[in-house]
Amino acid sequence: MPPSSFPGTLGTGPRLLPFLIQRDGTWLYRGSAIKRKAMLCMFSSMLTRDPEGTYWLKTPMEQGIIQVEDVPFVAVELDFRGTCGRQQNLCFRTNMDELICIGPEHPLSCDWDRPSDECASVPYVHVRDGEGAFPILARVTRAVHYELAALAVPGHVRGQPCLGVWSQDCFFPLSRPA
């Protein structure tokens, strides 16, 4: 359904809803933090991303654009399942209690091929598809990134040596070797 045909848009173009998702995963409504987990989980399930990369909250009654400082979700916990190596299964729990196991359907990505004197890259995990080429992602917290780094093994991507992790028989680079 086009945005102008939803109630609350009045055919004048997209409506900006008074929501902001901060970089740390805190959801604000009119500047105040939303504290009820059930409400946050409900809103997060209605979050989508359009072909231009804009975040939308689409409820049965209305829809509108919301502001997101970085990405809407944060990976707050790492769970290791299975055996070590290529067949291990690395799963994240998000701040909305979604379980995401990295692999072909939910790849882990980061700008790993950077000089060591620059800031460390931040990994992101694909949570779900948006409506276009822009997926909805979760940023991996620093603590979880350290856990990933402890599991990292040497590998190669596009002929370049790197350190990364295996999950579901897929290799995900994290950084250049030290």
C-alpha atoms as a PDB file:
ATOM      1  CA  MET A   1       0.000   0.000   0.000  1.00  0.00           C
ATOM      2  CA  PRO A   2       1.513   3.370  -0.929  1.00  0.00           C
ATOM      3  CA  PRO A   3       2.285   5.689   2.010  1.00  0.00           C
ATOM      4  CA  SER A   4      -0.417   8.218   1.073  1.00  0.00           C
ATOM      5  CA  SER A   5      -3.182   5.594   1.273  1.00  0.00           C
ATOM      6  CA  PHE A   6      -2.527   4.794   4.951  1.00  0.00           C
ATOM      7  CA  PRO A   7      -4.589   6.583   7.590  1.00  0.00           C
ATOM      8  CA  GLY A   8      -2.642   9.403   9.200  1.00  0.00           C
ATOM      9  CA  THR A   9      -0.762  10.450   6.064  1.00  0.00           C
ATOM     10  CA  LEU A  10      -3.534  12.575   4.489  1.00  0.00           C
ATOM     11  CA  GLY A  11      -1.949  12.166   1.057  1.00  0.00           C
ATOM     12  CA  THR A  12       0.600  14.891   1.785  1.00  0.00           C
ATOM     13  CA  GLY A  13       3.621  12.629   1.776  1.00  0.00           C
ATOM     14  CA  PRO A  14       5.343  10.641   4.473  1.00  0.00           C
ATOM     15  CA  ARG A  15       4.669  11.455   8.088  1.00  0.00           C
ATOM     16  CA  LEU A  16       7.574  11.734  10.525  1.00  0.00           C
ATOM     17  CA  LEU A  17       6.641   9.872  13.705  1.00  0.00           C
ATOM     18  CA  PRO A  18       8.109  11.125  17.014  1.00  0.00           C
ATOM     19  CA  PHE A  19      10.339   8.057  17.472  1.00  0.00           C
ATOM     20  CA  LEU A  20      14.133   7.951  17.635  1.00  0.00           C
ATOM     21  CA  ILE A  21      16.240   4.830  17.991  1.00  0.00           C
ATOM     22  CA  GLN A  22      19.555   5.801  19.532  1.00  0.00           C
ATOM     23  CA  ARG A  23      22.877   4.162  18.676  1.00  0.00           C
ATOM     24  CA  ASP A  24      22.803   2.139  21.918  1.00  0.00           C
ATOM     25  CA  GLY A  25      19.409   0.629  20.982  1.00  0.00           C
ATOM     26  CA  THR A  26      17.299   2.881  23.221  1.00  0.00           C
ATOM     27  CA  TRP A  27      13.931   3.732  21.684  1.00  0.00           C
ATOM     28  CA  LEU A  28      12.645   7.224  22.437  1.00  0.00           C
ATOM     29  CA  TYR A  29       9.097   8.496  21.958  1.00  0.00           C
ATOM     30  CA  ARG A  30       8.863  12.301  22.065  1.00  0.00           C
ATOM     31  CA  GLY A  31      12.262  12.343  23.801  1.00  0.00           C
ATOM     32  CA  SER A  32      11.389   9.857  26.559  1.00  0.00           C
ATOM     33  CA  ALA A  33      12.752   6.314  26.694  1.00  0.00           C
ATOM     34  CA  ILE A  34      10.233   3.533  26.107  1.00  0.00           C
ATOM     35  CA  LYS A  35      10.762   1.116  28.980  1.00  0.00           C
ATOM     36  CA  ARG A  36       8.117  -1.574  28.403  1.00  0.00           C
ATOM     37  CA  LYS A  37       9.873  -4.490  26.711  1.00  0.00           C
ATOM     38  CA  ALA A  38       6.650  -5.932  25.270  1.00  0.00           C
ATOM     39  CA  MET A  39       5.868  -2.622  23.581  1.00  0.00           C
ATOM     40  CA  LEU A  40       9.411  -2.349  22.203  1.00  0.00           C
ATOM     41  CA  CYS A  41       9.242  -5.873  20.799  1.00  0.00           C
ATOM     42  CA  MET A  42       5.879  -5.119  19.173  1.00  0.00           C
ATOM     43  CA  PHE A  43       7.161  -1.892  17.576  1.00  0.00           C
ATOM     44  CA  SER A  44      10.384  -3.550  16.433  1.00  0.00           C
ATOM     45  CA  SER A  45       8.385  -6.281  14.664  1.00  0.00           C
ATOM     46  CA  MET A  46       6.617  -3.559  12.643  1.00  0.00           C
ATOM     47  CA  LEU A  47       9.840  -1.853  11.596  1.00  0.00           C
ATOM     48  CA  THR A  48      10.816  -1.972   7.944  1.00  0.00           C
ATOM     49  CA  ARG A  49      13.153  -0.171   5.563  1.00  0.00           C
ATOM     50  CA  ASP A  50      12.210   1.187   2.154  1.00  0.00           C
ATOM     51  CA  PRO A  51      14.252   0.993  -1.085  1.00  0.00           C
ATOM     52  CA  GLU A  52      15.887   4.363  -0.270  1.00  0.00           C
ATOM     53  CA  GLY A  53      17.098   3.130   3.146  1.00  0.00           C
ATOM     54  CA  THR A  54      14.549   5.063   5.226  1.00  0.00           C
ATOM     55  CA  TYR A  55      13.149   3.342   8.325  1.00  0.00           C
ATOM     56  CA  TRP A  56       9.372   3.043   8.602  1.00  0.00           C
ATOM     57  CA  LEU A  57       7.141   1.985  11.462  1.00  0.00           C
ATOM     58  CA  LYS A  58       4.058   0.369   9.895  1.00  0.00           C
ATOM     59  CA  THR A  59       1.196  -0.438  12.247  1.00  0.00           C
ATOM     60  CA  PRO A  60      -2.280  -1.609  11.214  1.00  0.00           C
ATOM     61  CA  MET A  61      -3.585   1.923  11.873  1.00  0.00           C
ATOM     62  CA  GLU A  62      -0.847   4.200  10.535  1.00  0.00           C
ATOM     63  CA  GLN A  63       2.659   4.355   9.205  1.00  0.00           C
ATOM     64  CA  GLY A  64       5.436   6.863   9.260  1.00  0.00           C
ATOM     65  CA  ILE A  65       9.142   7.475   9.081  1.00  0.00           C
ATOM     66  CA  ILE A  66      11.200   7.116  12.226  1.00  0.00           C
ATOM     67  CA  GLN A  67      14.717   8.335  12.910  1.00  0.00           C
ATOM     68  CA  VAL A  68      17.520   5.834  13.565  1.00  0.00           C
ATOM     69  CA  GLU A  69      20.972   7.072  14.603  1.00  0.00           C
ATOM     70  CA  ASP A  70      22.865   3.984  13.377  1.00  0.00           C
ATOM     71  CA  VAL A  71      20.848   0.767  13.102  1.00  0.00           C
ATOM     72  CA  PRO A  72      17.703  -0.225  15.010  1.00  0.00           C
ATOM     73  CA  PHE A  73      19.011  -3.304  16.813  1.00  0.00           C
ATOM     74  CA  VAL A  74      21.997  -4.212  18.947  1.00  0.00           C
ATOM     75  CA  ALA A  75      23.511  -7.706  19.277  1.00  0.00           C
ATOM     76  CA  VAL A  76      24.013  -7.966  23.044  1.00  0.00           C
ATOM     77  CA  GLU A  77      24.953 -11.615  23.574  1.00  0.00           C
ATOM     78  CA  LEU A  78      26.834 -14.349  21.698  1.00  0.00           C
ATOM     79  CA  ASP A  79      25.978 -18.027  21.965  1.00  0.00           C
ATOM     80  CA  PHE A  80      28.270 -20.714  20.594  1.00  0.00           C
ATOM     81  CA  ARG A  81      26.555 -23.906  19.390  1.00  0.00           C
ATOM     82  CA  GLY A  82      27.934 -27.107  17.939  1.00  0.00           C
ATOM     83  CA  THR A  83      31.521 -28.093  17.352  1.00  0.00           C
ATOM     84  CA  CYS A  84      34.479 -25.784  16.744  1.00  0.00           C
ATOM     85  CA  GLY A  85      35.480 -24.792  13.241  1.00  0.00           C
ATOM     86  CA  ARG A  86      33.519 -24.552  10.033  1.00  0.00           C
ATOM     87  CA  GLN A  87      30.421 -26.284  11.386  1.00  0.00           C
ATOM     88  CA  GLN A  88      30.032 -24.162  14.522  1.00  0.00           C
ATOM     89  CA  ASN A  89      26.921 -22.048  14.814  1.00  0.00           C
ATOM     90  CA  LEU A  90      27.343 -18.548  16.256  1.00  0.00           C
ATOM     91  CA  CYS A  91      24.086 -16.958  17.401  1.00  0.00           C
ATOM     92  CA  PHE A  92      23.382 -13.473  18.674  1.00  0.00           C
ATOM     93  CA  ARG A  93      20.590 -12.322  20.955  1.00  0.00           C
ATOM     94  CA  THR A  94      19.441  -8.812  20.122  1.00  0.00           C
ATOM     95  CA  ASN A  95      18.210  -6.151  22.503  1.00  0.00           C
ATOM     96  CA  MET A  96      14.693  -7.216  21.398  1.00  0.00           C
ATOM     97  CA  ASP A  97      15.422 -10.851  22.389  1.00  0.00           C
ATOM     98  CA  GLU A  98      15.526 -12.067  18.781  1.00  0.00           C
ATOM     99  CA  LEU A  99      17.908 -14.953  18.165  1.00  0.00           C
ATOM    100  CA  ILE A 100      19.954 -14.507  14.985  1.00  0.00           C
ATOM    101  CA  CYS A 101      22.382 -17.251  13.903  1.00  0.00           C
ATOM    102  CA  ILE A 102      24.994 -15.939  11.495  1.00  0.00           C
ATOM    103  CA  GLY A 103      25.293 -17.778   8.230  1.00  0.00           C
ATOM    104  CA  PRO A 104      24.117 -17.421   4.611  1.00  0.00           C
ATOM    105  CA  GLU A 105      20.689 -16.022   5.635  1.00  0.00           C
ATOM    106  CA  HIS A 106      22.071 -13.694   8.331  1.00  0.00           C
ATOM    107  CA  PRO A 107      25.606 -12.653   7.316  1.00  0.00           C
ATOM    108  CA  LEU A 108      28.000 -10.795   9.591  1.00  0.00           C
ATOM    109  CA  SER A 109      29.655  -7.830   7.893  1.00  0.00           C
ATOM    110  CA  CYS A 110      32.257  -5.254   8.793  1.00  0.00           C
ATOM    111  CA  ASP A 111      34.780  -3.032   7.083  1.00  0.00           C
ATOM    112  CA  TRP A 112      37.618  -5.374   8.063  1.00  0.00           C
ATOM    113  CA  ASP A 113      40.242  -4.395   5.487  1.00  0.00           C
ATOM    114  CA  ARG A 114      41.484  -1.207   7.184  1.00  0.00           C
ATOM    115  CA  PRO A 115      44.943  -0.100   8.227  1.00  0.00           C
ATOM    116  CA  SER A 116      45.647  -1.009  11.863  1.00  0.00           C
ATOM    117  CA  ASP A 117      46.243   2.632  12.854  1.00  0.00           C
ATOM    118  CA  GLU A 118      42.596   3.495  12.101  1.00  0.00           C
ATOM    119  CA  CYS A 119      39.698   2.809  14.436  1.00  0.00           C
ATOM    120  CA  ALA A 120      38.549  -0.797  14.673  1.00  0.00           C
ATOM    121  CA  SER A 121      35.656  -1.688  12.408  1.00  0.00           C
ATOM    122  CA  VAL A 122      32.244  -2.403  13.891  1.00  0.00           C
ATOM    123  CA  PRO A 123      30.536  -5.651  12.891  1.00  0.00           C
ATOM    124  CA  TYR A 124      26.862  -5.734  11.928  1.00  0.00           C
ATOM    125  CA  VAL A 125      24.581  -8.722  11.508  1.00  0.00           C
ATOM    126  CA  HIS A 126      21.707  -8.965   9.019  1.00  0.00           C
ATOM    127  CA  VAL A 127      18.473  -9.316  11.030  1.00  0.00           C
ATOM    128  CA  ARG A 128      15.942  -9.277   8.197  1.00  0.00           C
ATOM    129  CA  ASP A 129      15.415  -7.917   4.715  1.00  0.00           C
ATOM    130  CA  GLY A 130      14.014  -4.474   4.111  1.00  0.00           C
ATOM    131  CA  GLU A 131      11.768  -3.683   1.156  1.00  0.00           C
ATOM    132  CA  GLY A 132      14.712  -2.898  -1.128  1.00  0.00           C
ATOM    133  CA  ALA A 133      18.453  -3.380  -1.148  1.00  0.00           C
ATOM    134  CA  PHE A 134      18.857  -2.033   2.406  1.00  0.00           C
ATOM    135  CA  PRO A 135      18.571  -4.725   5.104  1.00  0.00           C
ATOM    136  CA  ILE A 136      17.661  -4.178   8.728  1.00  0.00           C
ATOM    137  CA  LEU A 137      20.806  -4.699  10.796  1.00  0.00           C
ATOM    138  CA  ALA A 138      21.982  -5.118  14.375  1.00  0.00           C
ATOM    139  CA  ARG A 139      25.242  -3.552  15.536  1.00  0.00           C
ATOM    140  CA  VAL A 140      27.453  -5.921  17.516  1.00  0.00           C
ATOM    141  CA  THR A 141      28.325  -4.449  20.921  1.00  0.00           C
ATOM    142  CA  ARG A 142      31.946  -4.030  21.916  1.00  0.00           C
ATOM    143  CA  ALA A 143      31.743  -6.845  24.504  1.00  0.00           C
ATOM    144  CA  VAL A 144      30.296  -9.267  21.937  1.00  0.00           C
ATOM    145  CA  HIS A 145      32.883  -8.096  19.385  1.00  0.00           C
ATOM    146  CA  TYR A 146      35.612  -9.093  21.872  1.00  0.00           C
ATOM    147  CA  GLU A 147      34.004 -12.521  22.213  1.00  0.00           C
ATOM    148  CA  LEU A 148      34.054 -12.876  18.418  1.00  0.00           C
ATOM    149  CA  ALA A 149      37.698 -11.783  18.338  1.00  0.00           C
ATOM    150  CA  ALA A 150      38.540 -14.545  20.835  1.00  0.00           C
ATOM    151  CA  LEU A 151      37.039 -17.085  18.402  1.00  0.00           C
ATOM    152  CA  ALA A 152      38.780 -15.625  15.327  1.00  0.00           C
ATOM    153  CA  VAL A 153      41.003 -17.804  13.171  1.00  0.00           C
ATOM    154  CA  PRO A 154      43.239 -16.961  10.203  1.00  0.00           C
ATOM    155  CA  GLY A 155      41.635 -17.014   6.782  1.00  0.00           C
ATOM    156  CA  HIS A 156      41.597 -15.346   3.366  1.00  0.00           C
ATOM    157  CA  VAL A 157      39.009 -13.193   1.618  1.00  0.00           C
ATOM    158  CA  ARG A 158      39.523 -12.170  -2.012  1.00  0.00           C
ATOM    159  CA  GLY A 159      43.149 -13.292  -1.679  1.00  0.00           C
ATOM    160  CA  GLN A 160      43.773 -11.070   1.365  1.00  0.00           C
ATOM    161  CA  PRO A 161      44.824 -12.583   4.711  1.00  0.00           C
ATOM    162  CA  CYS A 162      42.468 -11.789   7.572  1.00  0.00           C
ATOM    163  CA  LEU A 163      41.118 -12.979  10.897  1.00  0.00           C
ATOM    164  CA  GLY A 164      37.510 -14.081  11.063  1.00  0.00           C
ATOM    165  CA  VAL A 165      34.993 -16.541  12.402  1.00  0.00           C
ATOM    166  CA  TRP A 166      33.208 -19.537  10.949  1.00  0.00           C
ATOM    167  CA  SER A 167      29.475 -20.111  11.339  1.00  0.00           C
ATOM    168  CA  GLN A 168      27.272 -22.505   9.372  1.00  0.00           C
ATOM    169  CA  ASP A 169      30.191 -23.331   7.056  1.00  0.00           C
ATOM    170  CA  CYS A 170      30.655 -19.639   6.085  1.00  0.00           C
ATOM    171  CA  PHE A 171      33.711 -17.532   6.903  1.00  0.00           C
ATOM    172  CA  PHE A 172      33.152 -13.949   8.079  1.00  0.00           C
ATOM    173  CA  PRO A 173      36.234 -11.657   8.173  1.00  0.00           C
ATOM    174  CA  LEU A 174      36.670  -9.381  11.184  1.00  0.00           C
ATOM    175  CA  SER A 175      40.081  -7.727  10.764  1.00  0.00           C
ATOM    176  CA  ARG A 176      43.480  -7.792   9.172  1.00  0.00           C
ATOM    177  CA  PRO A 177      45.986 -10.052  10.928  1.00  0.00           C
ATOM    178  CA  ALA A 178      48.075  -8.323  13.606  1.00  0.00           C
END
